[in-house]
């Protein structure tokens, strides 16, 4: 399988998304001991999923899913292990609300990326 074809398969895209998601979850939960503003995390999630939409268009949904799921998953793992968390109250209901909110952010980021990918100015230099 050529490298260009492999880079468009869903397992690869999901893997790339998970790498981005782990990076965002690390910023959220480890760096600065969780004292990073939630706006920063939302911005990172939006930019990562926006990039997936620009690069892979709608196939970027696999990458966006991998990126998105790492954010609430990190809080679930911390809750299950009884570790202190920045999410207050640290309940499954709060984690579910976080998951829904970050899913909306990821979906908007992906859709904006697809929109940017299809803007006419992107093809103006090739004429």
C-alpha atoms as a PDB file:
ATOM      1  CA  UNK A   1       0.000   0.000   0.000  1.00  0.00           C
ATOM      2  CA  UNK A   2       1.522   3.350  -1.005  1.00  0.00           C
ATOM      3  CA  UNK A   3       2.241   5.805   1.802  1.00  0.00           C
ATOM      4  CA  UNK A   4      -0.183   8.375   0.357  1.00  0.00           C
ATOM      5  CA  UNK A   5      -3.001   5.816   0.448  1.00  0.00           C
ATOM      6  CA  UNK A   6      -2.147   4.674   3.973  1.00  0.00           C
ATOM      7  CA  UNK A   7      -2.259   8.249   5.253  1.00  0.00           C
ATOM      8  CA  UNK A   8      -5.927   8.402   4.217  1.00  0.00           C
ATOM      9  CA  UNK A   9      -7.112   5.234   5.963  1.00  0.00           C
ATOM     10  CA  UNK A  10      -9.342   5.536   9.006  1.00  0.00           C
ATOM     11  CA  UNK A  11      -6.954   3.746  11.417  1.00  0.00           C
ATOM     12  CA  UNK A  12      -4.179   6.190  10.545  1.00  0.00           C
ATOM     13  CA  UNK A  13      -6.495   9.190  10.862  1.00  0.00           C
ATOM     14  CA  UNK A  14      -7.809   7.923  14.212  1.00  0.00           C
ATOM     15  CA  UNK A  15      -4.233   7.398  15.420  1.00  0.00           C
ATOM     16  CA  UNK A  16      -3.238  10.934  14.415  1.00  0.00           C
ATOM     17  CA  UNK A  17      -6.313  12.277  16.199  1.00  0.00           C
ATOM     18  CA  UNK A  18      -5.497  10.310  19.338  1.00  0.00           C
ATOM     19  CA  UNK A  19      -1.973  11.736  19.347  1.00  0.00           C
ATOM     20  CA  UNK A  20      -3.418  15.259  19.162  1.00  0.00           C
ATOM     21  CA  UNK A  21      -6.008  14.380  21.833  1.00  0.00           C
ATOM     22  CA  UNK A  22      -3.389  12.994  24.196  1.00  0.00           C
ATOM     23  CA  UNK A  23      -1.445  16.214  23.732  1.00  0.00           C
ATOM     24  CA  UNK A  24      -4.507  18.299  24.601  1.00  0.00           C
ATOM     25  CA  UNK A  25      -5.357  16.078  27.577  1.00  0.00           C
ATOM     26  CA  UNK A  26      -1.768  16.394  28.767  1.00  0.00           C
ATOM     27  CA  UNK A  27      -1.992  20.172  28.639  1.00  0.00           C
ATOM     28  CA  UNK A  28      -5.344  19.979  30.438  1.00  0.00           C
ATOM     29  CA  UNK A  29      -4.418  17.535  33.186  1.00  0.00           C
ATOM     30  CA  UNK A  30      -0.650  17.418  33.668  1.00  0.00           C
ATOM     31  CA  UNK A  31       1.022  20.664  32.661  1.00  0.00           C
ATOM     32  CA  UNK A  32       0.678  23.456  35.184  1.00  0.00           C
ATOM     33  CA  UNK A  33      -1.042  20.962  37.510  1.00  0.00           C
ATOM     34  CA  UNK A  34      -4.375  21.463  35.782  1.00  0.00           C
ATOM     35  CA  UNK A  35      -4.335  25.229  36.165  1.00  0.00           C
ATOM     36  CA  UNK A  36      -4.716  25.856  32.434  1.00  0.00           C
ATOM     37  CA  UNK A  37      -7.770  27.898  31.471  1.00  0.00           C
ATOM     38  CA  UNK A  38     -10.586  25.838  29.919  1.00  0.00           C
ATOM     39  CA  UNK A  39     -10.582  28.359  27.067  1.00  0.00           C
ATOM     40  CA  UNK A  40      -7.113  27.157  26.107  1.00  0.00           C
ATOM     41  CA  UNK A  41      -8.296  23.549  25.983  1.00  0.00           C
ATOM     42  CA  UNK A  42     -11.333  24.496  23.883  1.00  0.00           C
ATOM     43  CA  UNK A  43      -9.100  26.503  21.534  1.00  0.00           C
ATOM     44  CA  UNK A  44      -6.648  23.603  21.159  1.00  0.00           C
ATOM     45  CA  UNK A  45      -9.501  21.191  20.442  1.00  0.00           C
ATOM     46  CA  UNK A  46     -11.026  23.579  17.914  1.00  0.00           C
ATOM     47  CA  UNK A  47      -7.711  24.172  16.108  1.00  0.00           C
ATOM     48  CA  UNK A  48      -6.853  20.454  15.985  1.00  0.00           C
ATOM     49  CA  UNK A  49     -10.225  19.489  14.512  1.00  0.00           C
ATOM     50  CA  UNK A  50     -10.159  22.511  12.181  1.00  0.00           C
ATOM     51  CA  UNK A  51      -6.815  21.281  10.835  1.00  0.00           C
ATOM     52  CA  UNK A  52      -8.253  17.794  10.320  1.00  0.00           C
ATOM     53  CA  UNK A  53     -11.087  19.271   8.271  1.00  0.00           C
ATOM     54  CA  UNK A  54      -8.736  21.379   6.169  1.00  0.00           C
ATOM     55  CA  UNK A  55      -6.332  18.519   5.452  1.00  0.00           C
ATOM     56  CA  UNK A  56      -8.611  15.485   5.145  1.00  0.00           C
ATOM     57  CA  UNK A  57     -12.013  17.127   4.488  1.00  0.00           C
ATOM     58  CA  UNK A  58     -14.805  14.837   5.753  1.00  0.00           C
ATOM     59  CA  UNK A  59     -12.421  11.902   6.259  1.00  0.00           C
ATOM     60  CA  UNK A  60     -11.044  14.090   9.053  1.00  0.00           C
ATOM     61  CA  UNK A  61     -14.003  12.937  11.155  1.00  0.00           C
ATOM     62  CA  UNK A  62     -11.879   9.985  12.246  1.00  0.00           C
ATOM     63  CA  UNK A  63      -9.075  12.279  13.367  1.00  0.00           C
ATOM     64  CA  UNK A  64     -11.525  14.674  15.027  1.00  0.00           C
ATOM     65  CA  UNK A  65     -13.131  11.759  16.883  1.00  0.00           C
ATOM     66  CA  UNK A  66      -9.750  10.584  18.156  1.00  0.00           C
ATOM     67  CA  UNK A  67      -8.906  14.094  19.290  1.00  0.00           C
ATOM     68  CA  UNK A  68     -12.274  14.662  20.951  1.00  0.00           C
ATOM     69  CA  UNK A  69     -12.523  11.389  22.864  1.00  0.00           C
ATOM     70  CA  UNK A  70      -9.235  11.894  24.699  1.00  0.00           C
ATOM     71  CA  UNK A  71     -10.479  14.955  26.588  1.00  0.00           C
ATOM     72  CA  UNK A  72     -13.426  13.349  28.445  1.00  0.00           C
ATOM     73  CA  UNK A  73     -11.632   9.985  28.595  1.00  0.00           C
ATOM     74  CA  UNK A  74      -8.810  11.534  30.646  1.00  0.00           C
ATOM     75  CA  UNK A  75     -11.366  12.771  33.195  1.00  0.00           C
ATOM     76  CA  UNK A  76     -13.105   9.373  33.305  1.00  0.00           C
ATOM     77  CA  UNK A  77      -9.800   7.642  33.995  1.00  0.00           C
ATOM     78  CA  UNK A  78      -8.906  10.134  36.734  1.00  0.00           C
ATOM     79  CA  UNK A  79     -12.355   9.684  38.290  1.00  0.00           C
ATOM     80  CA  UNK A  80     -12.114   5.877  38.206  1.00  0.00           C
ATOM     81  CA  UNK A  81      -8.643   5.943  39.771  1.00  0.00           C
ATOM     82  CA  UNK A  82      -9.733   8.422  42.445  1.00  0.00           C
ATOM     83  CA  UNK A  83      -7.168  10.992  41.368  1.00  0.00           C
ATOM     84  CA  UNK A  84      -7.763  14.684  42.001  1.00  0.00           C
ATOM     85  CA  UNK A  85      -9.303  16.457  39.040  1.00  0.00           C
ATOM     86  CA  UNK A  86      -9.846  20.021  37.905  1.00  0.00           C
ATOM     87  CA  UNK A  87     -13.430  19.232  36.926  1.00  0.00           C
ATOM     88  CA  UNK A  88     -15.829  20.338  39.658  1.00  0.00           C
ATOM     89  CA  UNK A  89     -17.981  18.627  40.648  1.00  0.00           C
ATOM     90  CA  UNK A  90     -16.041  15.548  39.644  1.00  0.00           C
ATOM     91  CA  UNK A  91     -19.037  13.352  38.809  1.00  0.00           C
ATOM     92  CA  UNK A  92     -20.028  11.221  35.859  1.00  0.00           C
ATOM     93  CA  UNK A  93     -22.740  13.756  35.029  1.00  0.00           C
ATOM     94  CA  UNK A  94     -20.132  16.526  34.807  1.00  0.00           C
ATOM     95  CA  UNK A  95     -17.920  14.359  32.646  1.00  0.00           C
ATOM     96  CA  UNK A  96     -20.897  13.641  30.376  1.00  0.00           C
ATOM     97  CA  UNK A  97     -21.601  17.367  30.033  1.00  0.00           C
ATOM     98  CA  UNK A  98     -17.927  17.922  29.239  1.00  0.00           C
ATOM     99  CA  UNK A  99     -18.097  15.177  26.613  1.00  0.00           C
ATOM    100  CA  UNK A 100     -21.146  16.735  24.947  1.00  0.00           C
ATOM    101  CA  UNK A 101     -19.642  20.233  24.992  1.00  0.00           C
ATOM    102  CA  UNK A 102     -16.296  19.102  23.571  1.00  0.00           C
ATOM    103  CA  UNK A 103     -18.097  17.011  20.924  1.00  0.00           C
ATOM    104  CA  UNK A 104     -19.905  20.152  19.762  1.00  0.00           C
ATOM    105  CA  UNK A 105     -16.618  22.085  19.673  1.00  0.00           C
ATOM    106  CA  UNK A 106     -14.941  19.291  17.696  1.00  0.00           C
ATOM    107  CA  UNK A 107     -17.848  19.089  15.231  1.00  0.00           C
ATOM    108  CA  UNK A 108     -17.809  22.851  14.669  1.00  0.00           C
ATOM    109  CA  UNK A 109     -14.029  22.782  14.212  1.00  0.00           C
ATOM    110  CA  UNK A 110     -14.240  19.983  11.654  1.00  0.00           C
ATOM    111  CA  UNK A 111     -17.072  21.687   9.762  1.00  0.00           C
ATOM    112  CA  UNK A 112     -15.160  24.982   9.662  1.00  0.00           C
ATOM    113  CA  UNK A 113     -12.097  23.131   8.380  1.00  0.00           C
ATOM    114  CA  UNK A 114     -14.108  21.507   5.594  1.00  0.00           C
ATOM    115  CA  UNK A 115     -15.571  24.915   4.728  1.00  0.00           C
ATOM    116  CA  UNK A 116     -12.089  26.472   4.550  1.00  0.00           C
ATOM    117  CA  UNK A 117     -10.880  23.553   2.419  1.00  0.00           C
ATOM    118  CA  UNK A 118     -13.570  24.311  -0.149  1.00  0.00           C
ATOM    119  CA  UNK A 119     -13.074  28.091  -0.290  1.00  0.00           C
ATOM    120  CA  UNK A 120     -12.368  29.323  -3.829  1.00  0.00           C
ATOM    121  CA  UNK A 121      -9.149  31.182  -2.940  1.00  0.00           C
ATOM    122  CA  UNK A 122      -7.404  27.871  -2.263  1.00  0.00           C
ATOM    123  CA  UNK A 123      -7.501  27.035  -5.999  1.00  0.00           C
ATOM    124  CA  UNK A 124      -6.771  30.548  -7.300  1.00  0.00           C
ATOM    125  CA  UNK A 125      -2.988  29.968  -7.504  1.00  0.00           C
ATOM    126  CA  UNK A 126      -3.316  26.789  -9.552  1.00  0.00           C
ATOM    127  CA  UNK A 127      -4.971  28.588 -12.508  1.00  0.00           C
END
